[in-house]
Amino acid sequence: MYIIKVEGNFSAAHNLRSYKGKCEELHGHNWRVEAAVVSETLDATGMVMDFNRLKMKLKNVLKQFDHTYINNIPYFKKVNPTSENIARYIYENLRSRLPGLKTVTVWENSTSSAIYEA
């Protein structure tokens, strides 16, 4: 099995609803997002897929987050914008564009991440 990964990033603010702690207040992160694609085979050039193609697909999904208040994105008006839910949202938005998508990892800082895998 082959696995390739790329990273993207965005800066955005959010606040967690029904959370008793500092994160219930408005705050921001410099988010890092990793997308992993798997394949049992390689194409004629010896690749799972071109890294640039994968990066562009991820970038196209992430641009809706950059310099926003995540809670205002329609999906997150009803779903709490936790790292876990953001990872799932990005995964769901990438899945139809990326055959073989395995995981999306969302890092809200250098030591804390959430992974979504369907």
Protein backbone atom coordinates (compact mmCIF):
# COMPACT_ATOMS: atom_id res chain seq x y z
CA MET A 1 0.00 0.00 0.00
CA TYR A 2 1.29 3.45 -0.94
CA ILE A 3 0.43 6.55 1.07
CA ILE A 4 1.16 10.13 0.08
CA LYS A 5 0.51 13.20 2.21
CA VAL A 6 0.45 16.93 1.68
CA GLU A 7 -0.09 19.81 4.06
CA GLY A 8 -1.97 23.06 3.78
CA ASN A 9 -2.76 25.78 6.29
CA PHE A 10 -5.08 28.60 7.14
CA SER A 11 -5.56 31.16 9.88
CA ALA A 12 -9.02 31.43 11.39
CA ALA A 13 -10.96 32.13 14.56
CA HIS A 14 -13.67 30.11 16.27
CA ASN A 15 -15.24 29.49 19.61
CA LEU A 16 -16.63 26.27 21.01
CA ARG A 17 -20.25 26.20 22.11
CA SER A 18 -21.26 24.40 25.31
CA TYR A 19 -17.64 24.11 26.38
CA LYS A 20 -16.76 25.13 29.91
CA GLY A 21 -13.34 26.66 29.57
CA LYS A 22 -11.23 29.22 27.75
CA CYS A 23 -12.06 27.81 24.31
CA GLU A 24 -15.67 28.90 24.71
CA GLU A 25 -14.35 32.44 24.13
CA LEU A 26 -13.47 33.71 20.67
CA HIS A 27 -9.89 32.73 19.79
CA GLY A 28 -7.82 31.85 16.75
CA HIS A 29 -5.31 29.34 15.47
CA ASN A 30 -2.86 28.96 12.64
CA TRP A 31 -4.30 25.65 11.52
CA ARG A 32 -2.30 23.01 9.66
CA VAL A 33 -4.14 20.39 7.64
CA GLU A 34 -2.73 17.15 6.27
CA ALA A 35 -4.47 15.06 3.63
CA ALA A 36 -3.37 11.46 3.00
CA VAL A 37 -4.22 9.45 -0.11
CA VAL A 38 -3.67 5.69 -0.44
CA SER A 39 -3.36 3.40 -3.41
CA GLU A 40 -2.35 -0.18 -4.00
CA THR A 41 -0.97 0.73 -7.40
CA LEU A 42 1.03 3.50 -9.04
CA ASP A 43 0.24 5.29 -12.28
CA ALA A 44 2.40 5.08 -15.40
CA THR A 45 4.80 7.68 -13.98
CA GLY A 46 5.26 5.73 -10.75
CA MET A 47 3.07 7.97 -8.58
CA VAL A 48 -0.08 7.59 -6.49
CA MET A 49 -0.88 11.06 -7.85
CA ASP A 50 1.02 14.26 -8.49
CA PHE A 51 1.74 16.12 -5.23
CA ASN A 52 0.88 19.44 -6.92
CA ARG A 53 -2.56 18.14 -7.90
CA LEU A 54 -3.19 16.96 -4.35
CA LYS A 55 -1.99 20.26 -2.88
CA MET A 56 -4.31 22.25 -5.18
CA LYS A 57 -7.33 20.18 -4.25
CA LEU A 58 -6.61 20.67 -0.56
CA LYS A 59 -5.95 24.39 -1.05
CA ASN A 60 -9.29 24.79 -2.84
CA VAL A 61 -11.14 23.36 0.17
CA LEU A 62 -9.11 25.30 2.74
CA LYS A 63 -9.57 28.72 1.12
CA GLN A 64 -13.10 28.94 2.55
CA PHE A 65 -11.57 28.90 6.06
CA ASP A 66 -8.70 31.36 5.67
CA HIS A 67 -9.10 34.52 7.75
CA THR A 68 -12.68 33.70 8.71
CA TYR A 69 -14.72 33.14 11.81
CA ILE A 70 -15.38 29.42 11.35
CA ASN A 71 -18.65 29.56 13.31
CA ASN A 72 -20.11 31.64 10.44
CA ILE A 73 -19.58 28.89 7.83
CA PRO A 74 -23.12 27.51 7.34
CA TYR A 75 -22.19 23.93 8.36
CA PHE A 76 -20.69 25.16 11.63
CA LYS A 77 -23.73 27.20 12.59
CA LYS A 78 -25.22 23.87 13.71
CA VAL A 79 -22.09 21.76 14.27
CA ASN A 80 -19.59 22.77 16.95
CA PRO A 81 -16.33 23.85 15.21
CA THR A 82 -14.05 21.48 17.10
CA SER A 83 -10.88 20.20 15.45
CA GLU A 84 -12.61 16.83 15.09
CA ASN A 85 -15.58 18.32 13.25
CA ILE A 86 -13.36 20.51 11.08
CA ALA A 87 -11.34 17.42 10.08
CA ARG A 88 -14.55 15.61 9.11
CA TYR A 89 -15.88 18.60 7.17
CA ILE A 90 -12.65 18.90 5.18
CA TYR A 91 -12.60 15.14 4.57
CA GLU A 92 -16.18 15.18 3.29
CA ASN A 93 -15.41 18.10 0.98
CA LEU A 94 -12.30 16.38 -0.41
CA ARG A 95 -13.65 12.84 -0.74
CA SER A 96 -15.44 13.31 -4.06
CA ARG A 97 -12.43 15.15 -5.51
CA LEU A 98 -9.80 12.69 -4.33
CA PRO A 99 -10.20 8.98 -4.98
CA GLY A 100 -8.24 7.11 -2.35
CA LEU A 101 -8.51 9.80 0.32
CA LYS A 102 -7.58 8.03 3.56
CA THR A 103 -7.34 10.64 6.31
CA VAL A 104 -7.50 14.32 7.06
CA THR A 105 -5.55 15.56 10.06
CA VAL A 106 -6.21 19.00 11.50
CA TRP A 107 -3.58 20.55 13.77
CA GLU A 108 -4.72 23.53 15.84
CA ASN A 109 -1.21 23.93 17.27
CA SER A 110 2.08 22.06 17.20
CA THR A 111 1.03 19.50 19.83
CA SER A 112 -2.71 18.90 19.26
CA SER A 113 -4.45 17.35 16.28
CA ALA A 114 -7.59 15.51 15.27
CA ILE A 115 -7.79 12.87 12.53
CA TYR A 116 -10.85 11.90 10.52
CA GLU A 117 -10.95 8.66 8.53
CA ALA A 118 -14.06 7.19 6.97
